[in-house]
């Protein structure tokens, strides 16, 4: 078994054993470029292979509208405070899945391509399911205590920045423009998050993700 599959199997095994009598809420956290979305999708696939119902919610569906996202002169602080609608995530996903909740959740609240608010896309979640949401900043105050488990993908800043720039260069207008945007906005916002919230220390599961092909499990309950 390769290193990545081995780590995923260990995390999947832990989550499969957790049965709180309601959906299990799992956040996959990390700085931009750390590999959150891929890890989350593979986690959900592994859970389903073991027969556990699992849902992956895409953080792209929980942005604020563009005028809110781009507010303010400080790009880093603006992205940190306004990129994602974390209140909607708490109120329309996490709290309905806690004890006594309705089990009906929003699958997204915003269309990133059209910049339209989405009010009516919902799903009813199996009480035995594991719900996995990947997003930067998901251990901020007011949100942190709503997760059952948080996976922190621990990637060095330089490696994550390099991967993020490579991924987004075309969308951001080329390599140089992407590097400038990451340093001024995206990675700079992550620097604020790491300094203010200590997400690595607070996560229940930590995976060394410097090389996504060869991750290493650092901490697990």
C-alpha atoms as a PDB file:
ATOM      1  CA  UNK A   1       0.000   0.000   0.000  1.00  0.00           C
ATOM      2  CA  UNK A   2       1.442   3.421  -0.939  1.00  0.00           C
ATOM      3  CA  UNK A   3       1.978   6.135   1.677  1.00  0.00           C
ATOM      4  CA  UNK A   4      -0.971   8.280   0.665  1.00  0.00           C
ATOM      5  CA  UNK A   5      -3.441   5.430   0.683  1.00  0.00           C
ATOM      6  CA  UNK A   6      -2.082   4.258   4.030  1.00  0.00           C
ATOM      7  CA  UNK A   7      -2.643   7.651   5.659  1.00  0.00           C
ATOM      8  CA  UNK A   8      -6.107   7.981   4.158  1.00  0.00           C
ATOM      9  CA  UNK A   9      -7.001   4.479   5.381  1.00  0.00           C
ATOM     10  CA  UNK A  10      -5.975   5.373   8.931  1.00  0.00           C
ATOM     11  CA  UNK A  11      -8.076   8.543   8.939  1.00  0.00           C
ATOM     12  CA  UNK A  12     -11.010   6.756   7.287  1.00  0.00           C
ATOM     13  CA  UNK A  13     -10.778   4.025   9.916  1.00  0.00           C
ATOM     14  CA  UNK A  14     -10.983   6.568  12.732  1.00  0.00           C
ATOM     15  CA  UNK A  15     -13.955   8.342  11.184  1.00  0.00           C
ATOM     16  CA  UNK A  16     -15.773   5.108  10.394  1.00  0.00           C
ATOM     17  CA  UNK A  17     -15.592   4.146  14.060  1.00  0.00           C
ATOM     18  CA  UNK A  18     -17.096   7.464  15.189  1.00  0.00           C
ATOM     19  CA  UNK A  19     -20.886   7.198  15.490  1.00  0.00           C
ATOM     20  CA  UNK A  20     -22.311  10.049  17.548  1.00  0.00           C
ATOM     21  CA  UNK A  21     -25.946   9.238  16.710  1.00  0.00           C
ATOM     22  CA  UNK A  22     -26.116  12.063  14.166  1.00  0.00           C
ATOM     23  CA  UNK A  23     -23.985  13.033  11.162  1.00  0.00           C
ATOM     24  CA  UNK A  24     -20.268  13.259  11.924  1.00  0.00           C
ATOM     25  CA  UNK A  25     -18.925  16.707  10.983  1.00  0.00           C
ATOM     26  CA  UNK A  26     -15.378  16.734   9.608  1.00  0.00           C
ATOM     27  CA  UNK A  27     -13.454  19.784   8.454  1.00  0.00           C
ATOM     28  CA  UNK A  28     -10.378  19.553   6.230  1.00  0.00           C
ATOM     29  CA  UNK A  29      -8.295  22.645   6.929  1.00  0.00           C
ATOM     30  CA  UNK A  30      -5.023  24.057   5.651  1.00  0.00           C
ATOM     31  CA  UNK A  31      -3.534  27.079   3.943  1.00  0.00           C
ATOM     32  CA  UNK A  32      -4.302  27.747   0.279  1.00  0.00           C
ATOM     33  CA  UNK A  33      -2.512  25.221  -1.921  1.00  0.00           C
ATOM     34  CA  UNK A  34      -2.192  22.604   0.801  1.00  0.00           C
ATOM     35  CA  UNK A  35      -4.368  20.060  -1.050  1.00  0.00           C
ATOM     36  CA  UNK A  36      -7.603  20.216   0.942  1.00  0.00           C
ATOM     37  CA  UNK A  37     -10.141  19.516  -1.804  1.00  0.00           C
ATOM     38  CA  UNK A  38      -8.362  16.449  -3.154  1.00  0.00           C
ATOM     39  CA  UNK A  39      -7.839  15.047   0.334  1.00  0.00           C
ATOM     40  CA  UNK A  40     -11.503  15.615   1.211  1.00  0.00           C
ATOM     41  CA  UNK A  41     -12.741  13.894  -1.950  1.00  0.00           C
ATOM     42  CA  UNK A  42     -10.487  10.901  -1.331  1.00  0.00           C
ATOM     43  CA  UNK A  43     -11.635  10.747   2.281  1.00  0.00           C
ATOM     44  CA  UNK A  44     -15.275  10.605   1.186  1.00  0.00           C
ATOM     45  CA  UNK A  45     -14.474   7.910  -1.383  1.00  0.00           C
ATOM     46  CA  UNK A  46     -12.729   5.851   1.294  1.00  0.00           C
ATOM     47  CA  UNK A  47     -15.661   6.165   3.681  1.00  0.00           C
ATOM     48  CA  UNK A  48     -18.081   5.034   1.012  1.00  0.00           C
ATOM     49  CA  UNK A  49     -15.854   2.064   0.189  1.00  0.00           C
ATOM     50  CA  UNK A  50     -16.300   0.988   3.804  1.00  0.00           C
ATOM     51  CA  UNK A  51     -20.058   1.297   3.518  1.00  0.00           C
ATOM     52  CA  UNK A  52     -20.405   4.548   5.466  1.00  0.00           C
ATOM     53  CA  UNK A  53     -22.662   7.201   3.926  1.00  0.00           C
ATOM     54  CA  UNK A  54     -20.568  10.295   3.223  1.00  0.00           C
ATOM     55  CA  UNK A  55     -21.099  13.744   1.715  1.00  0.00           C
ATOM     56  CA  UNK A  56     -18.517  16.242   0.462  1.00  0.00           C
ATOM     57  CA  UNK A  57     -19.582  19.874   0.441  1.00  0.00           C
ATOM     58  CA  UNK A  58     -17.565  22.169  -1.814  1.00  0.00           C
ATOM     59  CA  UNK A  59     -16.343  25.385  -0.203  1.00  0.00           C
ATOM     60  CA  UNK A  60     -16.716  27.154  -3.563  1.00  0.00           C
ATOM     61  CA  UNK A  61     -20.448  27.121  -2.869  1.00  0.00           C
ATOM     62  CA  UNK A  62     -20.029  29.102   0.362  1.00  0.00           C
ATOM     63  CA  UNK A  63     -18.410  32.325  -0.834  1.00  0.00           C
ATOM     64  CA  UNK A  64     -19.783  35.769  -0.228  1.00  0.00           C
ATOM     65  CA  UNK A  65     -20.849  37.730  -3.285  1.00  0.00           C
ATOM     66  CA  UNK A  66     -18.052  39.557  -5.096  1.00  0.00           C
ATOM     67  CA  UNK A  67     -18.812  43.025  -3.724  1.00  0.00           C
ATOM     68  CA  UNK A  68     -18.414  41.679  -0.181  1.00  0.00           C
ATOM     69  CA  UNK A  69     -15.342  39.564  -0.996  1.00  0.00           C
ATOM     70  CA  UNK A  70     -13.518  42.526  -2.499  1.00  0.00           C
ATOM     71  CA  UNK A  71     -14.421  45.096   0.138  1.00  0.00           C
ATOM     72  CA  UNK A  72     -11.678  46.963   1.980  1.00  0.00           C
ATOM     73  CA  UNK A  73      -8.248  48.277   1.073  1.00  0.00           C
ATOM     74  CA  UNK A  74      -6.297  45.556   2.900  1.00  0.00           C
ATOM     75  CA  UNK A  75      -6.395  42.567   0.547  1.00  0.00           C
ATOM     76  CA  UNK A  76      -5.222  40.025   3.100  1.00  0.00           C
ATOM     77  CA  UNK A  77      -7.627  41.114   5.836  1.00  0.00           C
ATOM     78  CA  UNK A  78     -10.442  41.443   3.316  1.00  0.00           C
ATOM     79  CA  UNK A  79      -9.985  37.899   2.065  1.00  0.00           C
ATOM     80  CA  UNK A  80      -9.600  36.529   5.584  1.00  0.00           C
ATOM     81  CA  UNK A  81     -12.751  38.225   6.865  1.00  0.00           C
ATOM     82  CA  UNK A  82     -15.021  38.184   3.814  1.00  0.00           C
ATOM     83  CA  UNK A  83     -14.117  35.483   1.276  1.00  0.00           C
ATOM     84  CA  UNK A  84     -16.333  32.764   2.742  1.00  0.00           C
ATOM     85  CA  UNK A  85     -19.802  32.973   4.220  1.00  0.00           C
ATOM     86  CA  UNK A  86     -18.884  31.121   7.382  1.00  0.00           C
ATOM     87  CA  UNK A  87     -22.079  32.250   9.119  1.00  0.00           C
ATOM     88  CA  UNK A  88     -24.104  30.441   6.454  1.00  0.00           C
ATOM     89  CA  UNK A  89     -21.904  27.372   6.871  1.00  0.00           C
ATOM     90  CA  UNK A  90     -22.596  27.372  10.611  1.00  0.00           C
ATOM     91  CA  UNK A  91     -26.312  28.181  10.426  1.00  0.00           C
ATOM     92  CA  UNK A  92     -27.308  26.208   7.329  1.00  0.00           C
ATOM     93  CA  UNK A  93     -24.976  23.190   7.513  1.00  0.00           C
ATOM     94  CA  UNK A  94     -23.316  22.547  10.843  1.00  0.00           C
ATOM     95  CA  UNK A  95     -26.002  23.470  13.380  1.00  0.00           C
ATOM     96  CA  UNK A  96     -28.777  21.559  11.531  1.00  0.00           C
ATOM     97  CA  UNK A  97     -26.593  18.464  11.797  1.00  0.00           C
ATOM     98  CA  UNK A  98     -25.878  18.764  15.506  1.00  0.00           C
ATOM     99  CA  UNK A  99     -28.026  16.987  18.097  1.00  0.00           C
ATOM    100  CA  UNK A 100     -31.680  17.873  17.682  1.00  0.00           C
ATOM    101  CA  UNK A 101     -31.142  19.532  14.309  1.00  0.00           C
ATOM    102  CA  UNK A 102     -33.377  19.203  11.281  1.00  0.00           C
ATOM    103  CA  UNK A 103     -30.778  17.285   9.175  1.00  0.00           C
ATOM    104  CA  UNK A 104     -31.666  19.524   6.216  1.00  0.00           C
ATOM    105  CA  UNK A 105     -28.668  21.469   4.945  1.00  0.00           C
ATOM    106  CA  UNK A 106     -27.803  23.929   2.214  1.00  0.00           C
ATOM    107  CA  UNK A 107     -25.553  22.281  -0.354  1.00  0.00           C
ATOM    108  CA  UNK A 108     -24.426  25.729  -1.486  1.00  0.00           C
ATOM    109  CA  UNK A 109     -25.417  29.348  -0.881  1.00  0.00           C
ATOM    110  CA  UNK A 110     -23.579  31.031  -3.759  1.00  0.00           C
ATOM    111  CA  UNK A 111     -22.702  30.367  -7.391  1.00  0.00           C
ATOM    112  CA  UNK A 112     -19.100  31.418  -7.874  1.00  0.00           C
ATOM    113  CA  UNK A 113     -19.347  31.587 -11.665  1.00  0.00           C
ATOM    114  CA  UNK A 114     -22.445  33.818 -11.837  1.00  0.00           C
ATOM    115  CA  UNK A 115     -21.949  35.524  -8.435  1.00  0.00           C
ATOM    116  CA  UNK A 116     -25.595  34.816  -7.639  1.00  0.00           C
ATOM    117  CA  UNK A 117     -26.913  33.983  -4.171  1.00  0.00           C
ATOM    118  CA  UNK A 118     -28.421  30.483  -4.025  1.00  0.00           C
ATOM    119  CA  UNK A 119     -31.264  30.124  -1.528  1.00  0.00           C
ATOM    120  CA  UNK A 120     -32.980  26.860  -2.355  1.00  0.00           C
ATOM    121  CA  UNK A 121     -30.433  24.081  -2.925  1.00  0.00           C
ATOM    122  CA  UNK A 122     -30.750  21.741   0.026  1.00  0.00           C
ATOM    123  CA  UNK A 123     -30.408  18.087   0.973  1.00  0.00           C
ATOM    124  CA  UNK A 124     -31.513  15.918   3.868  1.00  0.00           C
ATOM    125  CA  UNK A 125     -28.525  14.122   5.392  1.00  0.00           C
ATOM    126  CA  UNK A 126     -28.528  10.504   6.560  1.00  0.00           C
ATOM    127  CA  UNK A 127     -28.070  10.505  10.367  1.00  0.00           C
ATOM    128  CA  UNK A 128     -25.284   7.916   9.934  1.00  0.00           C
ATOM    129  CA  UNK A 129     -23.381   9.986   7.373  1.00  0.00           C
ATOM    130  CA  UNK A 130     -19.999  11.643   7.596  1.00  0.00           C
ATOM    131  CA  UNK A 131     -20.136  15.181   6.178  1.00  0.00           C
ATOM    132  CA  UNK A 132     -16.760  16.488   4.971  1.00  0.00           C
ATOM    133  CA  UNK A 133     -16.201  20.171   4.245  1.00  0.00           C
ATOM    134  CA  UNK A 134     -12.847  21.523   3.098  1.00  0.00           C
ATOM    135  CA  UNK A 135     -12.049  25.202   3.464  1.00  0.00           C
ATOM    136  CA  UNK A 136      -9.396  27.554   4.721  1.00  0.00           C
ATOM    137  CA  UNK A 137     -10.340  29.398   7.939  1.00  0.00           C
ATOM    138  CA  UNK A 138     -12.790  26.764   9.214  1.00  0.00           C
ATOM    139  CA  UNK A 139     -11.356  26.879  12.743  1.00  0.00           C
ATOM    140  CA  UNK A 140     -12.156  30.525  13.273  1.00  0.00           C
ATOM    141  CA  UNK A 141     -13.887  31.629  16.477  1.00  0.00           C
ATOM    142  CA  UNK A 142     -17.583  30.750  16.434  1.00  0.00           C
ATOM    143  CA  UNK A 143     -17.062  27.855  14.044  1.00  0.00           C
ATOM    144  CA  UNK A 144     -14.343  25.782  15.691  1.00  0.00           C
ATOM    145  CA  UNK A 145     -16.535  24.093  18.292  1.00  0.00           C
ATOM    146  CA  UNK A 146     -19.093  22.892  15.730  1.00  0.00           C
ATOM    147  CA  UNK A 147     -16.765  20.295  14.169  1.00  0.00           C
ATOM    148  CA  UNK A 148     -16.375  16.759  15.504  1.00  0.00           C
ATOM    149  CA  UNK A 149     -12.955  16.335  13.872  1.00  0.00           C
ATOM    150  CA  UNK A 150     -10.666  18.694  11.986  1.00  0.00           C
ATOM    151  CA  UNK A 151      -7.876  17.492   9.708  1.00  0.00           C
ATOM    152  CA  UNK A 152      -5.062  20.015   9.292  1.00  0.00           C
ATOM    153  CA  UNK A 153      -2.961  19.464   6.171  1.00  0.00           C
ATOM    154  CA  UNK A 154       0.414  20.757   7.246  1.00  0.00           C
ATOM    155  CA  UNK A 155       2.251  22.067   4.182  1.00  0.00           C
ATOM    156  CA  UNK A 156       5.186  24.500   4.348  1.00  0.00           C
ATOM    157  CA  UNK A 157       4.232  27.963   3.163  1.00  0.00           C
ATOM    158  CA  UNK A 158       6.608  27.901   0.190  1.00  0.00           C
ATOM    159  CA  UNK A 159       5.399  24.516  -1.060  1.00  0.00           C
ATOM    160  CA  UNK A 160       1.715  25.429  -0.688  1.00  0.00           C
ATOM    161  CA  UNK A 161       2.258  28.782  -2.375  1.00  0.00           C
ATOM    162  CA  UNK A 162       4.042  27.125  -5.287  1.00  0.00           C
ATOM    163  CA  UNK A 163       1.203  24.635  -5.773  1.00  0.00           C
ATOM    164  CA  UNK A 164      -1.477  27.307  -5.462  1.00  0.00           C
ATOM    165  CA  UNK A 165       0.191  29.608  -7.968  1.00  0.00           C
ATOM    166  CA  UNK A 166       0.630  26.752 -10.429  1.00  0.00           C
ATOM    167  CA  UNK A 167      -3.054  25.805 -10.079  1.00  0.00           C
ATOM    168  CA  UNK A 168      -4.406  29.341 -10.422  1.00  0.00           C
ATOM    169  CA  UNK A 169      -1.945  31.005 -12.821  1.00  0.00           C
ATOM    170  CA  UNK A 170      -4.279  30.838 -15.812  1.00  0.00           C
ATOM    171  CA  UNK A 171      -7.260  32.158 -13.853  1.00  0.00           C
ATOM    172  CA  UNK A 172      -5.243  35.002 -12.319  1.00  0.00           C
ATOM    173  CA  UNK A 173      -3.570  36.225 -15.493  1.00  0.00           C
ATOM    174  CA  UNK A 174      -0.279  34.354 -15.577  1.00  0.00           C
ATOM    175  CA  UNK A 175       2.527  33.232 -13.289  1.00  0.00           C
ATOM    176  CA  UNK A 176       3.687  36.683 -12.166  1.00  0.00           C
ATOM    177  CA  UNK A 177       0.176  37.966 -11.529  1.00  0.00           C
ATOM    178  CA  UNK A 178      -0.701  34.814  -9.582  1.00  0.00           C
ATOM    179  CA  UNK A 179       2.415  35.093  -7.413  1.00  0.00           C
ATOM    180  CA  UNK A 180       1.581  38.721  -6.641  1.00  0.00           C
ATOM    181  CA  UNK A 181      -2.033  37.863  -5.795  1.00  0.00           C
ATOM    182  CA  UNK A 182      -1.006  35.043  -3.491  1.00  0.00           C
ATOM    183  CA  UNK A 183       1.553  37.125  -1.628  1.00  0.00           C
ATOM    184  CA  UNK A 184      -0.753  40.126  -1.218  1.00  0.00           C
ATOM    185  CA  UNK A 185      -4.088  38.383  -0.701  1.00  0.00           C
ATOM    186  CA  UNK A 186      -4.481  34.615  -0.486  1.00  0.00           C
ATOM    187  CA  UNK A 187      -1.376  33.423   1.338  1.00  0.00           C
ATOM    188  CA  UNK A 188      -1.190  36.661   3.283  1.00  0.00           C
ATOM    189  CA  UNK A 189      -4.702  35.939   4.600  1.00  0.00           C
ATOM    190  CA  UNK A 190      -3.566  32.468   5.620  1.00  0.00           C
ATOM    191  CA  UNK A 191      -0.664  34.047   7.503  1.00  0.00           C
ATOM    192  CA  UNK A 192      -3.217  36.020   9.531  1.00  0.00           C
ATOM    193  CA  UNK A 193      -5.256  32.881  10.190  1.00  0.00           C
ATOM    194  CA  UNK A 194      -2.270  30.843  11.353  1.00  0.00           C
ATOM    195  CA  UNK A 195      -1.077  33.635  13.644  1.00  0.00           C
ATOM    196  CA  UNK A 196      -4.493  34.406  15.143  1.00  0.00           C
ATOM    197  CA  UNK A 197      -6.110  30.969  15.426  1.00  0.00           C
ATOM    198  CA  UNK A 198      -3.227  28.439  15.699  1.00  0.00           C
ATOM    199  CA  UNK A 199      -5.152  25.941  13.524  1.00  0.00           C
ATOM    200  CA  UNK A 200      -2.402  23.313  13.472  1.00  0.00           C
ATOM    201  CA  UNK A 201      -2.333  23.125  17.256  1.00  0.00           C
ATOM    202  CA  UNK A 202      -6.124  23.008  17.547  1.00  0.00           C
ATOM    203  CA  UNK A 203      -6.836  20.403  14.870  1.00  0.00           C
ATOM    204  CA  UNK A 204      -7.571  16.898  16.111  1.00  0.00           C
ATOM    205  CA  UNK A 205      -5.777  15.252  13.169  1.00  0.00           C
ATOM    206  CA  UNK A 206      -2.574  16.587  11.598  1.00  0.00           C
ATOM    207  CA  UNK A 207      -1.143  15.271   8.338  1.00  0.00           C
ATOM    208  CA  UNK A 208       2.261  16.315   7.027  1.00  0.00           C
ATOM    209  CA  UNK A 209       1.313  17.245   3.463  1.00  0.00           C
ATOM    210  CA  UNK A 210       4.529  18.793   2.183  1.00  0.00           C
ATOM    211  CA  UNK A 211       4.587  16.075  -0.497  1.00  0.00           C
ATOM    212  CA  UNK A 212       0.995  14.999  -1.237  1.00  0.00           C
ATOM    213  CA  UNK A 213       2.250  11.750  -2.741  1.00  0.00           C
ATOM    214  CA  UNK A 214       3.994  10.845   0.525  1.00  0.00           C
ATOM    215  CA  UNK A 215       1.966  12.283   3.416  1.00  0.00           C
ATOM    216  CA  UNK A 216       2.687  11.394   7.015  1.00  0.00           C
ATOM    217  CA  UNK A 217       0.247  11.140   9.895  1.00  0.00           C
ATOM    218  CA  UNK A 218       1.549  13.447  12.644  1.00  0.00           C
ATOM    219  CA  UNK A 219      -1.326  13.424  15.131  1.00  0.00           C
ATOM    220  CA  UNK A 220      -4.574  11.517  15.519  1.00  0.00           C
ATOM    221  CA  UNK A 221      -6.842  10.928  18.554  1.00  0.00           C
END
